[in-house]
Protein backbone atom coordinates (compact mmCIF):
# COMPACT_ATOMS: atom_id res chain seq x y z
CA MET A 1 -76.16 -54.85 -40.01
CA ASP A 2 -75.99 -51.07 -39.59
CA GLU A 3 -73.58 -50.32 -42.44
CA ALA A 4 -73.15 -46.67 -41.47
CA LEU A 5 -72.18 -47.55 -37.90
CA ALA A 6 -69.88 -50.32 -39.15
CA ASP A 7 -68.08 -47.86 -41.41
CA ARG A 8 -67.66 -45.38 -38.57
CA ILE A 9 -66.23 -48.05 -36.27
CA ALA A 10 -63.80 -49.10 -38.99
CA ALA A 11 -62.72 -45.48 -39.48
CA TYR A 12 -62.07 -45.15 -35.76
CA ALA A 13 -60.13 -48.41 -35.64
CA ALA A 14 -57.99 -47.19 -38.54
CA ARG A 15 -57.05 -44.16 -36.47
CA ARG A 16 -56.05 -46.37 -33.54
CA MET A 17 -54.20 -48.88 -35.74
CA PRO A 18 -52.03 -46.79 -38.09
CA GLU A 19 -49.86 -49.83 -38.87
CA ALA A 20 -52.83 -51.67 -40.42
CA SER A 21 -54.62 -51.16 -43.73
CA GLU A 22 -57.88 -52.16 -45.40
CA LEU A 23 -59.77 -52.15 -42.13
CA ARG A 24 -63.40 -53.19 -42.25
CA VAL A 25 -66.09 -54.23 -39.78
CA ALA A 26 -68.22 -57.31 -40.42
CA ASP A 27 -71.06 -59.07 -38.58
CA LEU A 28 -71.98 -56.03 -36.51
CA GLU A 29 -74.79 -57.04 -34.16
CA ARG A 30 -76.37 -55.33 -31.20
CA ILE A 31 -76.52 -57.34 -27.96
CA PHE A 32 -79.70 -56.52 -26.08
CA GLY A 33 -80.23 -57.05 -22.38
CA GLY A 34 -78.19 -54.32 -20.70
CA ALA A 35 -79.55 -50.87 -20.12
CA SER A 36 -76.60 -48.74 -19.05
CA ARG A 37 -74.58 -49.06 -22.27
CA GLU A 38 -75.40 -49.94 -25.86
CA THR A 39 -73.43 -53.11 -26.58
CA TYR A 40 -72.43 -54.43 -30.01
CA ARG A 41 -70.32 -57.37 -31.16
CA PHE A 42 -68.41 -57.33 -34.43
CA ALA A 43 -65.44 -58.73 -36.30
CA LEU A 44 -62.64 -56.33 -37.20
CA HIS A 45 -60.65 -57.37 -40.28
CA TRP A 46 -57.42 -55.76 -41.48
CA ARG A 47 -54.22 -56.35 -43.39
CA GLU A 48 -50.92 -56.24 -41.56
CA LYS A 49 -48.42 -53.46 -42.29
CA GLY A 50 -46.63 -53.53 -45.63
CA GLY A 51 -49.15 -55.72 -47.41
CA GLY A 52 -48.70 -58.57 -44.95
CA ALA A 53 -51.10 -61.26 -43.80
CA ASP A 54 -54.80 -60.76 -43.26
CA ALA A 55 -55.86 -60.61 -39.63
CA SER A 56 -59.09 -60.34 -37.66
CA ARG A 57 -60.37 -60.15 -34.12
CA ARG A 58 -63.78 -60.45 -32.46
CA LEU A 59 -64.53 -57.31 -30.45
CA ILE A 60 -67.20 -55.70 -28.29
CA LEU A 61 -68.25 -52.04 -28.42
CA ARG A 62 -69.77 -50.46 -25.31
CA ARG A 63 -71.32 -47.09 -26.16
CA ASP A 64 -73.12 -44.61 -23.92
CA PRO A 65 -76.85 -44.47 -24.73
CA PRO A 66 -78.99 -41.31 -24.86
CA GLY A 67 -80.62 -42.41 -21.59
CA SER A 68 -80.16 -45.35 -19.24
CA LEU A 69 -81.09 -47.01 -15.98
CA ILE A 70 -78.00 -45.49 -14.37
CA GLU A 71 -75.56 -42.72 -15.16
CA THR A 72 -71.98 -43.91 -15.00
CA ASP A 73 -68.49 -42.94 -16.11
CA ARG A 74 -67.20 -45.25 -18.84
CA ALA A 75 -63.61 -44.38 -17.81
CA VAL A 76 -64.23 -46.13 -14.48
CA GLU A 77 -65.55 -49.25 -16.20
CA PHE A 78 -62.64 -49.24 -18.63
CA GLY A 79 -60.18 -48.76 -15.76
CA ALA A 80 -61.63 -51.69 -13.82
CA TYR A 81 -61.31 -54.03 -16.81
CA ARG A 82 -57.75 -52.89 -17.42
CA ALA A 83 -56.75 -53.23 -13.75
CA PHE A 84 -58.08 -56.76 -13.26
CA HIS A 85 -57.04 -58.21 -16.62
CA GLY A 86 -54.58 -61.06 -16.04
CA SER A 87 -55.46 -61.37 -12.34
CA ALA A 88 -57.45 -63.91 -10.33
CA VAL A 89 -60.54 -61.94 -11.39
CA PRO A 90 -61.18 -62.91 -15.04
CA VAL A 91 -62.14 -60.04 -17.34
CA PRO A 92 -61.86 -59.32 -21.07
CA GLU A 93 -58.94 -57.31 -22.39
CA VAL A 94 -59.84 -53.68 -23.13
CA LEU A 95 -58.37 -51.94 -26.16
CA TRP A 96 -59.54 -48.36 -26.59
CA LEU A 97 -61.40 -45.76 -24.55
CA GLU A 98 -62.85 -42.82 -26.49
CA GLU A 99 -64.44 -39.82 -24.77
CA ASP A 100 -64.88 -37.70 -27.93
CA PRO A 101 -68.48 -38.15 -29.17
CA ARG A 102 -67.65 -37.09 -32.74
CA TRP A 103 -66.67 -40.63 -33.69
CA LEU A 104 -69.84 -42.53 -32.75
CA ASP A 105 -72.10 -39.75 -31.37
CA HIS A 106 -71.48 -40.84 -27.76
CA PRO A 107 -68.40 -41.87 -25.73
CA PHE A 108 -67.51 -45.56 -25.91
CA PHE A 109 -64.86 -48.18 -25.38
CA VAL A 110 -63.81 -51.35 -27.21
CA MET A 111 -62.77 -54.66 -25.68
CA GLU A 112 -62.21 -58.24 -26.76
CA GLU A 113 -65.12 -60.63 -27.21
CA ILE A 114 -64.91 -63.96 -25.40
CA PRO A 115 -66.97 -66.18 -27.72
CA GLY A 116 -68.73 -69.46 -27.07
CA CYS A 117 -69.91 -68.56 -23.57
CA GLU A 118 -73.27 -68.28 -21.83
CA ALA A 119 -74.45 -65.46 -19.57
CA SER A 120 -78.25 -65.67 -19.63
CA PRO A 121 -79.64 -66.60 -16.19
CA PRO A 122 -82.47 -68.74 -17.64
CA ALA A 123 -79.92 -70.73 -19.64
CA LEU A 124 -77.64 -71.12 -16.62
CA MET A 125 -80.59 -72.39 -14.58
CA ALA A 126 -81.20 -75.21 -17.09
CA PRO A 127 -79.15 -78.28 -18.07
CA PRO A 128 -76.32 -78.75 -18.63
CA TYR A 129 -75.31 -75.69 -16.59
CA SER A 130 -77.71 -76.43 -13.72
CA ASP A 131 -75.96 -79.77 -13.22
CA HIS A 132 -72.85 -77.78 -12.30
CA ALA A 133 -74.54 -75.19 -10.07
CA ALA A 134 -72.39 -75.94 -7.01
CA GLU A 135 -69.21 -75.70 -9.10
CA LEU A 136 -70.31 -72.40 -10.61
CA ALA A 137 -71.29 -71.08 -7.18
CA GLU A 138 -67.84 -71.83 -5.79
CA GLN A 139 -66.21 -69.99 -8.69
CA LYS A 140 -68.63 -67.06 -8.49
CA TRP A 141 -68.30 -66.32 -4.79
CA THR A 142 -64.58 -67.02 -4.77
CA ILE A 143 -64.09 -64.45 -7.53
CA LEU A 144 -66.15 -61.94 -5.57
CA GLY A 145 -63.89 -62.62 -2.60
CA GLU A 146 -60.86 -61.96 -4.79
CA ILE A 147 -62.33 -58.59 -5.78
CA ALA A 148 -62.77 -57.74 -2.10
CA ARG A 149 -59.22 -58.92 -1.30
CA ALA A 150 -57.58 -56.88 -4.08
CA ASP A 151 -55.65 -53.71 -3.20
CA PRO A 152 -57.21 -50.77 -5.11
CA VAL A 153 -54.04 -48.69 -4.80
CA ALA A 154 -51.80 -51.45 -6.14
CA LEU A 155 -54.24 -51.82 -9.06
CA GLY A 156 -54.08 -48.07 -9.72
CA LEU A 157 -57.84 -47.74 -9.32
CA ASP A 158 -57.56 -44.96 -6.77
CA ALA A 159 -56.74 -42.78 -9.78
CA VAL A 160 -60.16 -43.30 -11.40
CA MET A 161 -62.37 -44.12 -8.39
CA GLU A 162 -63.19 -41.54 -5.74
CA PRO A 163 -61.70 -42.40 -2.33
CA VAL A 164 -63.93 -42.62 0.75
CA ALA A 165 -63.26 -43.15 4.45
CA PRO A 166 -64.25 -46.60 5.79
CA GLU A 167 -66.78 -45.03 8.16
CA ALA A 168 -68.35 -43.00 5.34
CA CYS A 169 -68.93 -45.77 2.78
CA TRP A 170 -72.54 -46.39 3.78
CA ARG A 171 -73.56 -42.74 3.85
CA ARG A 172 -72.06 -41.90 0.46
CA GLU A 173 -73.85 -44.79 -1.26
CA LEU A 174 -77.14 -44.20 0.50
CA ASP A 175 -77.10 -40.46 -0.24
CA TYR A 176 -76.30 -41.18 -3.90
CA TRP A 177 -79.24 -43.51 -4.46
CA VAL A 178 -81.71 -41.57 -2.34
CA ALA A 179 -80.93 -38.49 -4.44
CA ARG A 180 -81.91 -40.45 -7.55
CA VAL A 181 -85.17 -41.54 -5.98
CA ASP A 182 -85.91 -37.92 -5.04
CA ARG A 183 -85.21 -36.83 -8.60
CA ASP A 184 -86.90 -39.60 -10.55
CA GLU A 185 -89.83 -41.11 -8.67
CA LEU A 186 -93.09 -40.88 -10.60
CA ALA A 187 -95.30 -42.00 -7.70
CA PRO A 188 -95.01 -42.24 -3.90
CA GLN A 189 -92.81 -45.07 -2.60
CA PRO A 190 -93.89 -45.71 1.01
CA ILE A 191 -92.02 -49.00 1.49
CA LEU A 192 -88.87 -47.57 -0.01
CA ARG A 193 -89.09 -44.44 2.15
CA ALA A 194 -89.55 -46.56 5.29
CA ALA A 195 -86.45 -48.55 4.40
CA ILE A 196 -84.44 -45.36 3.86
CA ARG A 197 -85.47 -44.10 7.31
CA TRP A 198 -84.40 -47.41 8.87
CA LEU A 199 -81.03 -47.30 7.09
CA ARG A 200 -80.32 -43.81 8.41
CA ARG A 201 -81.36 -44.71 11.97
CA ALA A 202 -79.18 -47.84 12.19
CA PRO A 203 -75.98 -47.35 10.14
CA PRO A 204 -73.51 -50.22 9.80
CA PRO A 205 -70.03 -50.29 11.34
CA PRO A 206 -67.10 -48.90 9.31
CA ALA A 207 -65.92 -51.04 6.41
CA GLN A 208 -63.34 -53.67 7.43
CA LYS A 209 -61.26 -52.43 4.51
CA LEU A 210 -61.68 -50.16 1.52
CA SER A 211 -62.20 -52.44 -1.46
CA VAL A 212 -63.12 -52.30 -5.10
CA VAL A 213 -66.88 -52.79 -5.25
CA HIS A 214 -68.13 -54.20 -8.55
CA ALA A 215 -71.63 -53.03 -7.58
CA ASP A 216 -73.56 -55.31 -9.95
CA PHE A 217 -72.03 -58.71 -9.20
CA ARG A 218 -74.80 -61.21 -9.95
CA THR A 219 -75.65 -64.21 -12.06
CA GLY A 220 -76.14 -62.76 -15.53
CA ASN A 221 -73.06 -60.56 -15.39
CA PHE A 222 -70.46 -63.24 -16.01
CA LEU A 223 -69.61 -65.56 -18.91
CA VAL A 224 -69.53 -69.34 -18.51
CA ASP A 225 -67.70 -71.46 -21.08
CA PRO A 226 -68.69 -74.98 -22.26
CA ASP A 227 -66.42 -76.49 -19.59
CA PHE A 228 -68.45 -74.67 -16.91
CA ARG A 229 -65.70 -72.22 -16.05
CA ILE A 230 -66.41 -68.56 -15.40
CA ARG A 231 -64.33 -66.86 -18.07
CA ALA A 232 -65.15 -63.18 -17.50
CA ILE A 233 -66.84 -60.85 -15.05
CA LEU A 234 -68.73 -58.19 -17.01
CA ASP A 235 -70.55 -54.87 -16.46
CA TRP A 236 -68.26 -52.88 -14.19
CA GLU A 237 -70.01 -49.58 -14.96
CA MET A 238 -71.05 -48.96 -11.33
CA ALA A 239 -67.68 -49.97 -9.82
CA HIS A 240 -66.34 -47.80 -7.00
CA LEU A 241 -64.33 -47.92 -3.79
CA GLY A 242 -66.33 -48.89 -0.75
CA ASP A 243 -67.39 -51.53 1.75
CA PRO A 244 -66.97 -55.04 0.27
CA LEU A 245 -70.14 -56.15 2.07
CA GLU A 246 -72.04 -54.03 -0.44
CA ASP A 247 -71.09 -56.47 -3.21
CA LEU A 248 -71.93 -59.54 -1.14
CA ALA A 249 -75.34 -58.17 -0.18
CA TRP A 250 -76.21 -57.26 -3.78
CA GLY A 251 -75.24 -60.71 -5.00
CA ILE A 252 -77.49 -62.50 -2.50
CA ASN A 253 -80.46 -60.16 -2.99
CA PRO A 254 -83.69 -62.18 -3.43
CA LEU A 255 -84.29 -60.52 -6.79
CA TRP A 256 -81.51 -62.67 -8.29
CA ARG A 257 -82.96 -66.02 -7.19
CA TRP A 258 -83.21 -67.07 -10.80
CA ALA A 259 -83.93 -70.74 -9.99
CA LYS A 260 -87.14 -69.72 -8.17
CA ASP A 261 -85.90 -71.28 -4.94
CA GLU A 262 -83.87 -70.06 -1.97
CA ARG A 263 -80.47 -70.32 -3.66
CA ALA A 264 -78.56 -67.03 -3.93
CA GLY A 265 -78.09 -66.18 -7.58
CA GLY A 266 -79.81 -69.45 -8.40
CA LEU A 267 -76.63 -71.36 -7.57
CA ALA A 268 -76.07 -71.93 -3.85
CA PRO A 269 -77.77 -71.44 -0.48
CA ARG A 270 -77.24 -68.00 1.00
CA GLU A 271 -75.08 -69.27 3.86
CA GLU A 272 -72.88 -71.23 1.46
CA ALA A 273 -72.37 -68.14 -0.69
CA ILE A 274 -71.33 -66.18 2.41
CA ARG A 275 -68.97 -68.96 3.54
CA LEU A 276 -67.26 -69.08 0.15
CA TRP A 277 -66.92 -65.29 0.07
CA GLU A 278 -65.43 -65.17 3.56
CA GLY A 279 -62.90 -67.87 2.69
CA ALA A 280 -61.74 -66.10 -0.46
CA SER A 281 -61.79 -62.53 0.85
CA GLY A 282 -60.29 -63.15 4.28
CA LEU A 283 -63.06 -60.93 5.67
CA ARG A 284 -66.01 -61.60 7.96
CA ALA A 285 -69.62 -61.02 6.97
CA ASP A 286 -70.93 -59.71 10.28
CA PRO A 287 -74.66 -60.59 10.27
CA GLU A 288 -75.93 -57.19 11.40
CA ALA A 289 -73.65 -55.27 9.04
CA LEU A 290 -74.62 -57.55 6.19
CA ARG A 291 -78.30 -57.08 7.00
CA TRP A 292 -77.88 -53.31 6.65
CA TRP A 293 -76.26 -53.75 3.24
CA GLU A 294 -78.98 -56.20 2.19
CA VAL A 295 -81.69 -53.64 2.93
CA PHE A 296 -79.58 -51.05 1.13
CA SER A 297 -79.26 -53.31 -1.91
CA SER A 298 -83.05 -53.36 -2.28
CA VAL A 299 -83.19 -49.58 -1.92
CA LYS A 300 -80.50 -49.25 -4.59
CA GLY A 301 -82.30 -51.71 -6.85
CA GLN A 302 -85.57 -49.82 -6.49
CA ALA A 303 -83.78 -46.55 -7.26
CA ILE A 304 -82.44 -48.10 -10.49
CA TRP A 305 -85.90 -49.31 -11.57
CA ILE A 306 -87.42 -45.91 -10.74
CA SER A 307 -84.78 -44.08 -12.78
CA GLY A 308 -85.30 -46.44 -15.70
CA ALA A 309 -89.05 -45.89 -15.63
CA ARG A 310 -88.56 -42.14 -15.72
CA GLU A 311 -86.15 -42.33 -18.66
CA PHE A 312 -88.72 -44.39 -20.58
CA THR A 313 -91.68 -42.23 -19.59
CA MET A 314 -89.90 -39.01 -20.54
CA GLY A 315 -88.97 -40.49 -23.93
CA LYS A 316 -85.22 -40.28 -23.39
CA ASN A 317 -84.79 -43.98 -24.07
CA GLN A 318 -87.47 -46.20 -25.61
CA ASP A 319 -85.75 -49.49 -24.85
CA LEU A 320 -88.54 -51.64 -23.38
CA ILE A 321 -86.18 -53.09 -20.81
CA LEU A 322 -86.39 -49.78 -18.95
CA ALA A 323 -90.17 -50.07 -18.60
CA LEU A 324 -90.25 -53.82 -18.00
CA SER A 325 -87.52 -53.83 -15.36
CA SER A 326 -89.34 -51.16 -13.38
CA TRP A 327 -92.66 -52.94 -13.60
CA LEU A 328 -91.43 -56.49 -12.99
CA ALA A 329 -88.66 -55.84 -10.47
CA GLY A 330 -90.25 -53.10 -8.39
CA ASN A 331 -92.68 -55.33 -6.53
CA SER A 332 -90.01 -57.97 -5.91
CA GLN A 333 -87.67 -55.33 -4.53
CA ASP A 334 -90.36 -54.03 -2.14
CA ARG A 335 -90.97 -57.58 -0.90
CA ALA A 336 -87.24 -58.05 -0.32
CA VAL A 337 -87.14 -54.88 1.78
CA LEU A 338 -90.12 -56.01 3.87
CA HIS A 339 -88.53 -59.42 4.39
CA ASP A 340 -85.20 -57.95 5.52
CA LEU A 341 -86.96 -55.57 7.89
CA GLY A 342 -88.91 -58.47 9.41
CA LYS A 343 -92.25 -57.27 8.08
CA LEU A 344 -92.89 -60.17 5.70
CA GLY A 345 -92.97 -63.84 6.54
């Protein structure tokens, strides 16, 4: 355990909990696997006010790293967790958002830990979870439909997420990710550039509604408990307002076929995932519009891998996941683009 970091977390918690005393952090452990935030789990122990009973709580720290696959605003992620907590979209409770880097060197936020759950795609593709794949698929795509159905204004998310006109959703997202490719590519990307040209020539229709877009909704970003229930949707760092088809397309991207078959997210056939999403969202997944967003999802994915490779190459972040994700996922993302454009059998 990093004792210095544990002491600094305890000092911060003491500031946020003036009614408590004798605060200490135990069992601090880094959780590897993500590359946009540094994530730690720990137990916070304290004594209640006035020498009362001892208390403790399992918590998660999400801290900005020196470099990452993507650059995001932790206030948006925090706001999404706070808005959806207690709704039909299960998320952990968030406690504190801190923008001042003096406490832990970088901005961060703290939320509850939901223990005893599984998130790893390889584990979810194996028994006993694989025996409940259809059940998990129904939950997964229904929850995504609930995100699409939600009213961003009623949730207060229009205060932390930039608004966009329904007809401009596609252009804003495409321009954002193309700019990152322009900035970060280390070698020519002919397949990616061809896909970008196609996307600009054949834009999709305006969004049916302006929705909250999770933007990384996939198997691996939710927690499953021992009763095979999805207990929490995680990793909202790319969340924004936009076309809900963006989320659906990302979730059915071939890169996430963890079971090595045709099932979207390793859980259900693509058409079943779409049917479940339509039923929960009340929206229609127009095939041509969805195709545009599917090609876009591969462009976005490739942009993420390219940015990660540059961060690693430039020495800004030496987490091997940045290098490995670029190397391993890049070819798969190119193949997905070629398939969606009808250039690959």
